Amino acid sequence: MTMRTVDVLGEPYGAETIDLPPDDEGEVVATLVSRRAGVPTDRAVLHVHGFADYFFQTPAADYWTSRGYDFYALDLRKHGRSLREHQTPNFVTDLGDYYAELDAAYERVTSRDGHDRVLVTGHSTGGLVAPLWAHDRQAPLAGMVLNSPWLDLQGSLLLRTAGTAAIDQIGARRPYLAIPRDVSGLYARSLHRDHDGEWDFDLAWKPLESHPVHAGWLRAVRRGHARLHRGLRPRGPVLVLTSALSGRPQQYDETCASTDIVLDVELIRKWGHRLADHVTLVRVEGALHDVTLSREPVRTRVFEEISRWLDAYVA
C-alpha cells in the first residue's frame, strides 16, 4: 500500500515513494510529489525535472492548480528526494531506465487517481526524457509543455560530432568516468535566495556547481538526442518555451538574470520541430533557463503564454 506523507515543501504538497528494481548500486526509488487543485477535477499535470534538479518550482504548481489541474511532480531516481547515500547522483546509462518511474507515476495519476486528461511538462533534460517516453509508450496525453528542453549538446560542431563518437565509446567502457567540465555556479546563484535569486532549494540536491557528469550518462543523453533528431510522434500538441537569448557570462551580471546561461536556445529552436507533428515555439524575452523561475513580470508572461496555448489547443 502506497503511503503519502507531507512533502518537504510542507502542506499542501504530499509525497510518496515509488520502489523500483535495484541496479548495480543497490536500492532504487523515485518520488511522486502531488498537490490538489481547489476543486475535484479529472485533469492533471505530471512534471519531469532536469539534470541536477528536483521539484521545488512552486510557481508552476500554483499556476496549474489555479487552472483546475491536479499537479504531480516526479523526482526521478538518484535526484532530489529520491537520491540515496549509496548512489551516484543523477546517474543512468540509458534514458529508458526512467520509463519505470514514469510508467508508475502515470498509472497513479490516471488509473488510481482517476484523471483522464493528463498533460506532461518537462524542463531541460526532463524535456528530452518526457517526449521520448511519450513517443515510445504512445501515452494518450492531452499535450506536453516543455520548458527549455535539452535537445542537443551545446558547444562546437566538432564536439557534437567527433566528441559524441568518443563519448559513445568511452561511456560504454567506463560509464562512471567523470567528464571534466568548468561549471561557474552562476545559474544556481541566479536562482537561490541566499545568493542573487529569490528561491529556496536544497543545495545538496541542486548544488551551486551542479553534480559531476559521467560518461555513461552523457552517452545516454547523446543517444536520446540522436533519436529526437530523427523525429518523434507522441500523441497531442507540444508547446516549447525558451528564453529569447542564451548568455555566456564570465562573472555574475544582469545576463544571468535575463537569459538562458545553461543551454543554447538556437539549438532548441533548430530541433524543436522534431518533437511532434504539432509544435508551438515561444520565445520569452528576459527568461531564465527554467522559464517558470524567471523574475516578474517575465514569469507572468510565461504562464500567460501557456494559458494562450491551452485555450487554443487543449481546453
C-alpha atoms as a PDB file:
ATOM      1  CA  MET A   1       0.000   0.000   0.000  1.00  0.00           C
ATOM      2  CA  THR A   2       1.371   3.413  -1.005  1.00  0.00           C
ATOM      3  CA  MET A   3       1.963   5.809   1.892  1.00  0.00           C
ATOM      4  CA  ARG A   4       1.529   9.520   1.102  1.00  0.00           C
ATOM      5  CA  THR A   5       3.201  11.846   3.588  1.00  0.00           C
ATOM      6  CA  VAL A   6       3.582  15.601   3.871  1.00  0.00           C
ATOM      7  CA  ASP A   7       6.329  16.686   1.472  1.00  0.00           C
ATOM      8  CA  VAL A   8       9.477  18.627   2.412  1.00  0.00           C
ATOM      9  CA  LEU A   9       7.752  21.679   0.896  1.00  0.00           C
ATOM     10  CA  GLY A  10       5.022  21.366   3.521  1.00  0.00           C
ATOM     11  CA  GLU A  11       1.269  21.472   3.009  1.00  0.00           C
ATOM     12  CA  PRO A  12      -0.474  21.356   0.553  1.00  0.00           C
ATOM     13  CA  TYR A  13       2.228  19.147  -1.005  1.00  0.00           C
ATOM     14  CA  GLY A  14       2.336  15.420  -0.364  1.00  0.00           C
ATOM     15  CA  ALA A  15       4.938  12.860  -1.407  1.00  0.00           C
ATOM     16  CA  GLU A  16       5.020   9.111  -1.944  1.00  0.00           C
ATOM     17  CA  THR A  17       7.954   6.804  -2.613  1.00  0.00           C
ATOM     18  CA  ILE A  18       7.904   4.558  -5.683  1.00  0.00           C
ATOM     19  CA  ASP A  19      10.032   1.453  -5.211  1.00  0.00           C
ATOM     20  CA  LEU A  20      11.912   0.411  -8.363  1.00  0.00           C
ATOM     21  CA  PRO A  21      14.039  -2.606  -9.290  1.00  0.00           C
ATOM     22  CA  PRO A  22      17.564  -2.297  -7.814  1.00  0.00           C
ATOM     23  CA  ASP A  23      20.543  -1.600 -10.053  1.00  0.00           C
ATOM     24  CA  ASP A  24      24.285  -2.202  -9.678  1.00  0.00           C
ATOM     25  CA  GLU A  25      24.414   0.383  -6.860  1.00  0.00           C
ATOM     26  CA  GLY A  26      21.577  -1.209  -4.879  1.00  0.00           C
ATOM     27  CA  GLU A  27      18.177   0.158  -3.840  1.00  0.00           C
ATOM     28  CA  VAL A  28      16.447   2.491  -6.324  1.00  0.00           C
ATOM     29  CA  VAL A  29      13.393   4.666  -5.711  1.00  0.00           C
ATOM     30  CA  ALA A  30      11.564   7.586  -7.275  1.00  0.00           C
ATOM     31  CA  THR A  31       9.329  10.116  -5.530  1.00  0.00           C
ATOM     32  CA  LEU A  32       5.957  11.442  -6.657  1.00  0.00           C
ATOM     33  CA  VAL A  33       5.029  14.840  -5.227  1.00  0.00           C
ATOM     34  CA  SER A  34       1.426  15.969  -5.523  1.00  0.00           C
ATOM     35  CA  ARG A  35      -0.823  18.933  -4.864  1.00  0.00           C
ATOM     36  CA  ARG A  36      -4.560  19.003  -5.493  1.00  0.00           C
ATOM     37  CA  ALA A  37      -6.494  21.741  -7.237  1.00  0.00           C
ATOM     38  CA  GLY A  38      -9.102  23.613  -5.231  1.00  0.00           C
ATOM     39  CA  VAL A  39     -11.993  21.555  -6.616  1.00  0.00           C
ATOM     40  CA  PRO A  40     -12.215  17.914  -7.781  1.00  0.00           C
ATOM     41  CA  THR A  41     -11.011  17.533 -11.349  1.00  0.00           C
ATOM     42  CA  ASP A  42     -10.307  14.906 -13.998  1.00  0.00           C
ATOM     43  CA  ARG A  43      -7.353  16.972 -15.275  1.00  0.00           C
ATOM     44  CA  ALA A  44      -3.758  16.573 -14.123  1.00  0.00           C
ATOM     45  CA  VAL A  45      -0.197  17.636 -14.912  1.00  0.00           C
ATOM     46  CA  LEU A  46       2.822  15.369 -14.465  1.00  0.00           C
ATOM     47  CA  HIS A  47       6.124  17.258 -14.299  1.00  0.00           C
ATOM     48  CA  VAL A  48       9.646  15.929 -15.026  1.00  0.00           C
ATOM     49  CA  HIS A  49      12.667  17.958 -13.843  1.00  0.00           C
ATOM     50  CA  GLY A  50      16.134  18.326 -15.369  1.00  0.00           C
ATOM     51  CA  PHE A  51      19.703  17.264 -14.524  1.00  0.00           C
ATOM     52  CA  ALA A  52      21.000  18.155 -11.047  1.00  0.00           C
ATOM     53  CA  ASP A  53      17.498  19.267 -10.221  1.00  0.00           C
ATOM     54  CA  TYR A  54      14.334  18.250  -8.401  1.00  0.00           C
ATOM     55  CA  PHE A  55      10.850  19.681  -7.921  1.00  0.00           C
ATOM     56  CA  PHE A  56      10.752  22.914  -5.931  1.00  0.00           C
ATOM     57  CA  GLN A  57       9.228  25.177  -8.602  1.00  0.00           C
ATOM     58  CA  THR A  58       6.077  26.072  -6.683  1.00  0.00           C
ATOM     59  CA  PRO A  59       5.031  28.895  -9.076  1.00  0.00           C
ATOM     60  CA  ALA A  60       4.341  26.178 -11.672  1.00  0.00           C
ATOM     61  CA  ALA A  61       2.186  24.239  -9.224  1.00  0.00           C
ATOM     62  CA  ASP A  62       0.387  27.470  -8.262  1.00  0.00           C
ATOM     63  CA  TYR A  63      -0.383  28.096 -11.923  1.00  0.00           C
ATOM     64  CA  TRP A  64      -1.631  24.621 -12.794  1.00  0.00           C
ATOM     65  CA  THR A  65      -3.809  24.208  -9.730  1.00  0.00           C
ATOM     66  CA  SER A  66      -5.324  27.657 -10.386  1.00  0.00           C
ATOM     67  CA  ARG A  67      -6.243  26.356 -13.858  1.00  0.00           C
ATOM     68  CA  GLY A  68      -8.059  23.408 -12.313  1.00  0.00           C
ATOM     69  CA  TYR A  69      -5.360  20.761 -12.743  1.00  0.00           C
ATOM     70  CA  ASP A  70      -4.143  18.468 -10.000  1.00  0.00           C
ATOM     71  CA  PHE A  71      -0.357  18.794 -10.024  1.00  0.00           C
ATOM     72  CA  TYR A  72       2.156  15.945  -9.785  1.00  0.00           C
ATOM     73  CA  ALA A  73       5.954  16.167  -9.994  1.00  0.00           C
ATOM     74  CA  LEU A  74       8.287  13.208 -10.286  1.00  0.00           C
ATOM     75  CA  ASP A  75      11.712  13.280  -8.660  1.00  0.00           C
ATOM     76  CA  LEU A  76      13.481  10.746 -10.865  1.00  0.00           C
ATOM     77  CA  ARG A  77      15.796   8.083  -9.468  1.00  0.00           C
ATOM     78  CA  LYS A  78      19.012   9.436  -7.929  1.00  0.00           C
ATOM     79  CA  HIS A  79      17.696  13.024  -7.981  1.00  0.00           C
ATOM     80  CA  GLY A  80      16.440  15.184  -5.129  1.00  0.00           C
ATOM     81  CA  ARG A  81      14.097  13.348  -2.769  1.00  0.00           C
ATOM     82  CA  SER A  82      14.974  10.045  -4.482  1.00  0.00           C
ATOM     83  CA  LEU A  83      18.765  10.292  -4.014  1.00  0.00           C
ATOM     84  CA  ARG A  84      20.222   7.789  -1.554  1.00  0.00           C
ATOM     85  CA  GLU A  85      23.677   7.857   0.068  1.00  0.00           C
ATOM     86  CA  HIS A  86      24.944   4.795  -1.814  1.00  0.00           C
ATOM     87  CA  GLN A  87      24.081   6.256  -5.236  1.00  0.00           C
ATOM     88  CA  THR A  88      25.920   8.245  -7.885  1.00  0.00           C
ATOM     89  CA  PRO A  89      23.783  11.388  -8.213  1.00  0.00           C
ATOM     90  CA  ASN A  90      21.694  11.689 -11.383  1.00  0.00           C
ATOM     91  CA  PHE A  91      23.297   8.622 -12.992  1.00  0.00           C
ATOM     92  CA  VAL A  92      21.782   6.271 -15.568  1.00  0.00           C
ATOM     93  CA  THR A  93      23.274   4.636 -18.668  1.00  0.00           C
ATOM     94  CA  ASP A  94      20.032   4.635 -20.664  1.00  0.00           C
ATOM     95  CA  LEU A  95      17.299   7.305 -20.603  1.00  0.00           C
ATOM     96  CA  GLY A  96      14.856   4.422 -20.972  1.00  0.00           C
ATOM     97  CA  ASP A  97      15.673   3.500 -17.370  1.00  0.00           C
ATOM     98  CA  TYR A  98      13.447   6.411 -16.345  1.00  0.00           C
ATOM     99  CA  TYR A  99      10.434   4.818 -18.029  1.00  0.00           C
ATOM    100  CA  ALA A 100       9.846   2.604 -14.981  1.00  0.00           C
ATOM    101  CA  GLU A 101       9.083   5.583 -12.729  1.00  0.00           C
ATOM    102  CA  LEU A 102       7.247   7.464 -15.477  1.00  0.00           C
ATOM    103  CA  ASP A 103       5.036   4.430 -16.073  1.00  0.00           C
ATOM    104  CA  ALA A 104       4.390   4.069 -12.343  1.00  0.00           C
ATOM    105  CA  ALA A 105       3.623   7.762 -11.898  1.00  0.00           C
ATOM    106  CA  TYR A 106       1.348   7.850 -14.934  1.00  0.00           C
ATOM    107  CA  GLU A 107      -0.560   4.808 -13.644  1.00  0.00           C
ATOM    108  CA  ARG A 108      -1.070   6.510 -10.286  1.00  0.00           C
ATOM    109  CA  VAL A 109      -2.235   9.750 -11.915  1.00  0.00           C
ATOM    110  CA  THR A 110      -4.659   8.011 -14.277  1.00  0.00           C
ATOM    111  CA  SER A 111      -5.872   4.607 -13.080  1.00  0.00           C
ATOM    112  CA  ARG A 112      -5.510   5.172  -9.336  1.00  0.00           C
ATOM    113  CA  ASP A 113      -6.441   8.844  -9.015  1.00  0.00           C
ATOM    114  CA  GLY A 114      -8.950   8.970 -11.853  1.00  0.00           C
ATOM    115  CA  HIS A 115      -7.565  11.629 -14.193  1.00  0.00           C
ATOM    116  CA  ASP A 116      -8.385  11.083 -17.845  1.00  0.00           C
ATOM    117  CA  ARG A 117      -6.903  14.320 -19.231  1.00  0.00           C
ATOM    118  CA  VAL A 118      -3.188  14.428 -18.480  1.00  0.00           C
ATOM    119  CA  LEU A 119      -0.565  16.925 -19.595  1.00  0.00           C
ATOM    120  CA  VAL A 120       3.150  16.291 -19.170  1.00  0.00           C
ATOM    121  CA  THR A 121       5.610  19.110 -18.509  1.00  0.00           C
ATOM    122  CA  GLY A 122       9.372  18.733 -18.746  1.00  0.00           C
ATOM    123  CA  HIS A 123      12.328  21.000 -18.044  1.00  0.00           C
ATOM    124  CA  SER A 124      15.809  20.733 -19.603  1.00  0.00           C
ATOM    125  CA  THR A 125      16.837  17.030 -19.550  1.00  0.00           C
ATOM    126  CA  GLY A 126      13.278  16.243 -18.458  1.00  0.00           C
ATOM    127  CA  GLY A 127      12.204  17.945 -21.675  1.00  0.00           C
ATOM    128  CA  LEU A 128      14.115  15.252 -23.559  1.00  0.00           C
ATOM    129  CA  VAL A 129      13.144  12.274 -21.390  1.00  0.00           C
ATOM    130  CA  ALA A 130       9.412  13.072 -21.384  1.00  0.00           C
ATOM    131  CA  PRO A 131       8.960  13.213 -25.193  1.00  0.00           C
ATOM    132  CA  LEU A 132      10.971  10.001 -25.665  1.00  0.00           C
ATOM    133  CA  TRP A 133       8.748   8.254 -23.106  1.00  0.00           C
ATOM    134  CA  ALA A 134       5.549   9.723 -24.583  1.00  0.00           C
ATOM    135  CA  HIS A 135       6.590   8.581 -28.076  1.00  0.00           C
ATOM    136  CA  ASP A 136       7.615   5.079 -27.036  1.00  0.00           C
ATOM    137  CA  ARG A 137       4.600   4.484 -24.802  1.00  0.00           C
ATOM    138  CA  GLN A 138       2.122   6.363 -27.036  1.00  0.00           C
ATOM    139  CA  ALA A 139       0.508   7.572 -23.838  1.00  0.00           C
ATOM    140  CA  PRO A 140      -2.846   9.315 -24.542  1.00  0.00           C
ATOM    141  CA  LEU A 141      -1.695  12.737 -23.371  1.00  0.00           C
ATOM    142  CA  ALA A 142      -3.635  15.971 -23.787  1.00  0.00           C
ATOM    143  CA  GLY A 143      -0.293  17.586 -24.673  1.00  0.00           C
ATOM    144  CA  MET A 144       3.173  18.486 -23.418  1.00  0.00           C
ATOM    145  CA  VAL A 145       4.688  21.768 -22.213  1.00  0.00           C
ATOM    146  CA  LEU A 146       8.477  21.742 -22.481  1.00  0.00           C
ATOM    147  CA  ASN A 147      10.467  24.380 -20.628  1.00  0.00           C
ATOM    148  CA  SER A 148      13.901  24.872 -22.266  1.00  0.00           C
ATOM    149  CA  PRO A 149      14.164  21.204 -23.306  1.00  0.00           C
ATOM    150  CA  TRP A 150      17.690  19.877 -23.838  1.00  0.00           C
ATOM    151  CA  LEU A 151      17.574  18.826 -27.499  1.00  0.00           C
ATOM    152  CA  ASP A 152      21.265  18.978 -28.473  1.00  0.00           C
ATOM    153  CA  LEU A 153      24.695  19.333 -26.928  1.00  0.00           C
ATOM    154  CA  GLN A 154      25.771  22.938 -26.593  1.00  0.00           C
ATOM    155  CA  GLY A 155      29.209  23.762 -27.987  1.00  0.00           C
ATOM    156  CA  SER A 156      31.066  23.428 -31.269  1.00  0.00           C
ATOM    157  CA  LEU A 157      30.090  21.232 -34.210  1.00  0.00           C
ATOM    158  CA  LEU A 158      33.248  19.198 -33.554  1.00  0.00           C
ATOM    159  CA  LEU A 159      32.094  18.483 -30.009  1.00  0.00           C
ATOM    160  CA  ARG A 160      28.660  17.434 -31.266  1.00  0.00           C
ATOM    161  CA  THR A 161      30.150  15.065 -33.876  1.00  0.00           C
ATOM    162  CA  ALA A 162      33.608  13.679 -33.136  1.00  0.00           C
ATOM    163  CA  GLY A 163      33.190  14.384 -29.434  1.00  0.00           C
ATOM    164  CA  THR A 164      29.937  12.448 -29.351  1.00  0.00           C
ATOM    165  CA  ALA A 165      31.537   9.480 -31.122  1.00  0.00           C
ATOM    166  CA  ALA A 166      34.270   9.423 -28.475  1.00  0.00           C
ATOM    167  CA  ILE A 167      31.761   9.669 -25.625  1.00  0.00           C
ATOM    168  CA  ASP A 168      29.795   6.780 -27.111  1.00  0.00           C
ATOM    169  CA  GLN A 169      32.854   4.540 -26.889  1.00  0.00           C
ATOM    170  CA  ILE A 170      34.138   5.787 -23.527  1.00  0.00           C
ATOM    171  CA  GLY A 171      30.680   5.750 -21.965  1.00  0.00           C
ATOM    172  CA  ALA A 172      30.204   2.097 -22.915  1.00  0.00           C
ATOM    173  CA  ARG A 173      33.575   1.042 -21.448  1.00  0.00           C
ATOM    174  CA  ARG A 174      33.865   3.372 -18.437  1.00  0.00           C
ATOM    175  CA  PRO A 175      30.355   4.605 -17.611  1.00  0.00           C
ATOM    176  CA  TYR A 176      31.321   6.083 -14.215  1.00  0.00           C
ATOM    177  CA  LEU A 177      34.206   8.145 -15.615  1.00  0.00           C
ATOM    178  CA  ALA A 178      33.700  11.791 -14.634  1.00  0.00           C
ATOM    179  CA  ILE A 179      33.868  14.171 -17.602  1.00  0.00           C
ATOM    180  CA  PRO A 180      35.957  17.292 -16.871  1.00  0.00           C
ATOM    181  CA  ARG A 181      33.964  20.497 -17.242  1.00  0.00           C
ATOM    182  CA  ASP A 182      34.002  24.046 -15.959  1.00  0.00           C
ATOM    183  CA  VAL A 183      30.829  24.940 -14.049  1.00  0.00           C
ATOM    184  CA  SER A 184      30.698  28.537 -12.827  1.00  0.00           C
ATOM    185  CA  GLY A 185      27.746  28.136 -10.480  1.00  0.00           C
ATOM    186  CA  LEU A 186      26.266  31.346 -11.846  1.00  0.00           C
ATOM    187  CA  TYR A 187      22.973  29.744 -12.851  1.00  0.00           C
ATOM    188  CA  ALA A 188      22.204  28.322  -9.415  1.00  0.00           C
ATOM    189  CA  ARG A 189      23.341  31.614  -7.884  1.00  0.00           C
ATOM    190  CA  SER A 190      20.829  33.436 -10.082  1.00  0.00           C
ATOM    191  CA  LEU A 191      18.073  31.304  -8.520  1.00  0.00           C
ATOM    192  CA  HIS A 192      18.938  30.792  -4.838  1.00  0.00           C
ATOM    193  CA  ARG A 193      17.701  33.372  -2.331  1.00  0.00           C
ATOM    194  CA  ASP A 194      20.943  33.248  -0.336  1.00  0.00           C
ATOM    195  CA  HIS A 195      22.805  34.499  -3.417  1.00  0.00           C
ATOM    196  CA  ASP A 196      21.252  36.535  -6.276  1.00  0.00           C
ATOM    197  CA  GLY A 197      17.848  34.877  -6.663  1.00  0.00           C
ATOM    198  CA  GLU A 198      14.504  34.563  -4.893  1.00  0.00           C
ATOM    199  CA  TRP A 199      14.057  30.788  -4.499  1.00  0.00           C
ATOM    200  CA  ASP A 200      14.837  28.418  -1.666  1.00  0.00           C
ATOM    201  CA  PHE A 201      16.086  24.959  -2.622  1.00  0.00           C
ATOM    202  CA  ASP A 202      18.300  22.279  -1.108  1.00  0.00           C
ATOM    203  CA  LEU A 203      21.897  22.852  -2.218  1.00  0.00           C
ATOM    204  CA  ALA A 204      22.702  19.202  -1.511  1.00  0.00           C
ATOM    205  CA  TRP A 205      20.142  18.191  -4.139  1.00  0.00           C
ATOM    206  CA  LYS A 206      20.821  21.094  -6.520  1.00  0.00           C
ATOM    207  CA  PRO A 207      24.395  22.256  -5.842  1.00  0.00           C
ATOM    208  CA  LEU A 208      25.654  25.639  -6.985  1.00  0.00           C
ATOM    209  CA  GLU A 209      28.255  23.905  -9.140  1.00  0.00           C
ATOM    210  CA  SER A 210      25.888  21.107 -10.237  1.00  0.00           C
ATOM    211  CA  HIS A 211      26.726  17.391  -9.936  1.00  0.00           C
ATOM    212  CA  PRO A 212      29.530  15.607 -11.832  1.00  0.00           C
ATOM    213  CA  VAL A 213      28.706  14.440 -15.346  1.00  0.00           C
ATOM    214  CA  HIS A 214      29.668  10.829 -16.043  1.00  0.00           C
ATOM    215  CA  ALA A 215      30.487   9.293 -19.405  1.00  0.00           C
ATOM    216  CA  GLY A 216      27.747   6.668 -19.289  1.00  0.00           C
ATOM    217  CA  TRP A 217      25.084   9.278 -18.541  1.00  0.00           C
ATOM    218  CA  LEU A 218      26.300  11.637 -21.282  1.00  0.00           C
ATOM    219  CA  ARG A 219      26.322   8.724 -23.717  1.00  0.00           C
ATOM    220  CA  ALA A 220      22.685   8.040 -22.822  1.00  0.00           C
ATOM    221  CA  VAL A 221      21.758  11.687 -23.380  1.00  0.00           C
ATOM    222  CA  ARG A 222      23.507  11.851 -26.754  1.00  0.00           C
ATOM    223  CA  ARG A 223      21.718   8.699 -27.860  1.00  0.00           C
ATOM    224  CA  GLY A 224      18.485  10.332 -26.773  1.00  0.00           C
ATOM    225  CA  HIS A 225      19.369  13.418 -28.796  1.00  0.00           C
ATOM    226  CA  ALA A 226      20.007  11.275 -31.865  1.00  0.00           C
ATOM    227  CA  ARG A 227      16.590   9.644 -31.533  1.00  0.00           C
ATOM    228  CA  LEU A 228      14.929  13.040 -31.165  1.00  0.00           C
ATOM    229  CA  HIS A 229      16.745  14.376 -34.232  1.00  0.00           C
ATOM    230  CA  ARG A 230      15.261  11.545 -36.299  1.00  0.00           C
ATOM    231  CA  GLY A 231      11.820  12.709 -35.209  1.00  0.00           C
ATOM    232  CA  LEU A 232       9.258  11.725 -32.574  1.00  0.00           C
ATOM    233  CA  ARG A 233       5.485  11.379 -32.831  1.00  0.00           C
ATOM    234  CA  PRO A 234       3.927  11.459 -29.362  1.00  0.00           C
ATOM    235  CA  ARG A 235       0.197  11.985 -29.063  1.00  0.00           C
ATOM    236  CA  GLY A 236      -1.035  15.527 -28.520  1.00  0.00           C
ATOM    237  CA  PRO A 237       0.308  19.018 -29.249  1.00  0.00           C
ATOM    238  CA  VAL A 238       3.562  20.318 -27.793  1.00  0.00           C
ATOM    239  CA  LEU A 239       4.465  23.785 -26.513  1.00  0.00           C
ATOM    240  CA  VAL A 240       8.166  24.708 -26.272  1.00  0.00           C
ATOM    241  CA  LEU A 241       9.138  27.733 -24.185  1.00  0.00           C
ATOM    242  CA  THR A 242      12.637  29.217 -24.217  1.00  0.00           C
ATOM    243  CA  SER A 243      14.380  32.407 -23.318  1.00  0.00           C
ATOM    244  CA  ALA A 244      14.855  34.816 -26.187  1.00  0.00           C
ATOM    245  CA  LEU A 245      18.637  34.575 -25.855  1.00  0.00           C
ATOM    246  CA  SER A 246      21.448  32.474 -24.463  1.00  0.00           C
ATOM    247  CA  GLY A 247      24.160  34.121 -22.400  1.00  0.00           C
ATOM    248  CA  ARG A 248      27.730  33.114 -21.562  1.00  0.00           C
ATOM    249  CA  PRO A 249      28.774  35.432 -18.720  1.00  0.00           C
ATOM    250  CA  GLN A 250      32.188  35.036 -17.113  1.00  0.00           C
ATOM    251  CA  GLN A 251      31.039  36.614 -13.850  1.00  0.00           C
ATOM    252  CA  TYR A 252      27.701  37.486 -12.324  1.00  0.00           C
ATOM    253  CA  ASP A 253      25.918  40.252 -14.225  1.00  0.00           C
ATOM    254  CA  GLU A 254      22.422  41.065 -15.500  1.00  0.00           C
ATOM    255  CA  THR A 255      22.808  38.434 -18.239  1.00  0.00           C
ATOM    256  CA  CYS A 256      22.479  35.763 -15.555  1.00  0.00           C
ATOM    257  CA  ALA A 257      19.039  37.045 -14.595  1.00  0.00           C
ATOM    258  CA  SER A 258      17.616  37.562 -18.092  1.00  0.00           C
ATOM    259  CA  THR A 259      18.942  34.855 -20.471  1.00  0.00           C
ATOM    260  CA  ASP A 260      19.473  31.101 -20.637  1.00  0.00           C
ATOM    261  CA  ILE A 261      23.043  30.625 -19.422  1.00  0.00           C
ATOM    262  CA  VAL A 262      22.785  26.816 -19.442  1.00  0.00           C
ATOM    263  CA  LEU A 263      21.631  25.784 -22.937  1.00  0.00           C
ATOM    264  CA  ASP A 264      21.861  27.164 -26.479  1.00  0.00           C
ATOM    265  CA  VAL A 265      18.332  28.323 -27.265  1.00  0.00           C
ATOM    266  CA  GLU A 266      19.080  28.363 -31.010  1.00  0.00           C
ATOM    267  CA  LEU A 267      19.705  24.617 -30.906  1.00  0.00           C
ATOM    268  CA  ILE A 268      16.390  24.124 -29.096  1.00  0.00           C
ATOM    269  CA  ARG A 269      14.680  26.005 -31.901  1.00  0.00           C
ATOM    270  CA  LYS A 270      16.615  24.077 -34.535  1.00  0.00           C
ATOM    271  CA  TRP A 271      15.341  20.716 -33.289  1.00  0.00           C
ATOM    272  CA  GLY A 272      12.022  21.685 -31.723  1.00  0.00           C
ATOM    273  CA  HIS A 273      10.038  20.699 -34.817  1.00  0.00           C
ATOM    274  CA  ARG A 274      11.233  17.108 -34.362  1.00  0.00           C
ATOM    275  CA  LEU A 275       9.396  16.734 -31.057  1.00  0.00           C
ATOM    276  CA  ALA A 276       5.972  16.056 -32.545  1.00  0.00           C
ATOM    277  CA  ASP A 277       3.704  16.679 -35.513  1.00  0.00           C
ATOM    278  CA  HIS A 278       2.231  19.766 -33.811  1.00  0.00           C
ATOM    279  CA  VAL A 279       4.757  22.027 -32.071  1.00  0.00           C
ATOM    280  CA  THR A 280       4.342  25.632 -30.919  1.00  0.00           C
ATOM    281  CA  LEU A 281       7.539  27.547 -30.115  1.00  0.00           C
ATOM    282  CA  VAL A 282       7.507  30.659 -27.925  1.00  0.00           C
ATOM    283  CA  ARG A 283      10.485  32.885 -27.106  1.00  0.00           C
ATOM    284  CA  VAL A 284      10.136  34.757 -23.829  1.00  0.00           C
ATOM    285  CA  GLU A 285      12.222  37.909 -23.580  1.00  0.00           C
ATOM    286  CA  GLY A 286      14.136  38.073 -20.307  1.00  0.00           C
ATOM    287  CA  ALA A 287      13.500  34.463 -19.279  1.00  0.00           C
ATOM    288  CA  LEU A 288      15.940  32.222 -17.431  1.00  0.00           C
ATOM    289  CA  HIS A 289      16.841  28.637 -18.320  1.00  0.00           C
ATOM    290  CA  ASP A 290      13.939  27.491 -16.141  1.00  0.00           C
ATOM    291  CA  VAL A 291      11.435  29.935 -17.545  1.00  0.00           C
ATOM    292  CA  THR A 292       8.992  29.370 -14.659  1.00  0.00           C
ATOM    293  CA  LEU A 293      11.568  30.750 -12.200  1.00  0.00           C
ATOM    294  CA  SER A 294      12.195  33.975 -14.128  1.00  0.00           C
ATOM    295  CA  ARG A 295      11.787  37.316 -12.433  1.00  0.00           C
ATOM    296  CA  GLU A 296       8.484  39.129 -12.559  1.00  0.00           C
ATOM    297  CA  PRO A 297       6.957  40.293 -14.872  1.00  0.00           C
ATOM    298  CA  VAL A 298       8.643  37.721 -17.125  1.00  0.00           C
ATOM    299  CA  ARG A 299       7.287  34.821 -15.082  1.00  0.00           C
ATOM    300  CA  THR A 300       3.744  36.103 -15.535  1.00  0.00           C
ATOM    301  CA  ARG A 301       4.225  36.247 -19.291  1.00  0.00           C
ATOM    302  CA  VAL A 302       5.410  32.621 -19.289  1.00  0.00           C
ATOM    303  CA  PHE A 303       2.171  31.491 -17.685  1.00  0.00           C
ATOM    304  CA  GLU A 304       0.135  33.744 -19.977  1.00  0.00           C
ATOM    305  CA  GLU A 305       1.741  32.017 -22.957  1.00  0.00           C
ATOM    306  CA  ILE A 306       0.880  28.602 -21.513  1.00  0.00           C
ATOM    307  CA  SER A 307      -2.722  29.745 -20.981  1.00  0.00           C
ATOM    308  CA  ARG A 308      -2.962  31.005 -24.563  1.00  0.00           C
ATOM    309  CA  TRP A 309      -1.726  27.648 -25.857  1.00  0.00           C
ATOM    310  CA  LEU A 310      -4.031  25.678 -23.566  1.00  0.00           C
ATOM    311  CA  ASP A 311      -7.050  27.697 -24.670  1.00  0.00           C
ATOM    312  CA  ALA A 312      -6.149  27.249 -28.334  1.00  0.00           C
ATOM    313  CA  TYR A 313      -5.147  23.591 -28.482  1.00  0.00           C
ATOM    314  CA  VAL A 314      -6.081  21.750 -25.278  1.00  0.00           C
ATOM    315  CA  ALA A 315      -9.114  23.220 -23.493  1.00  0.00           C
END
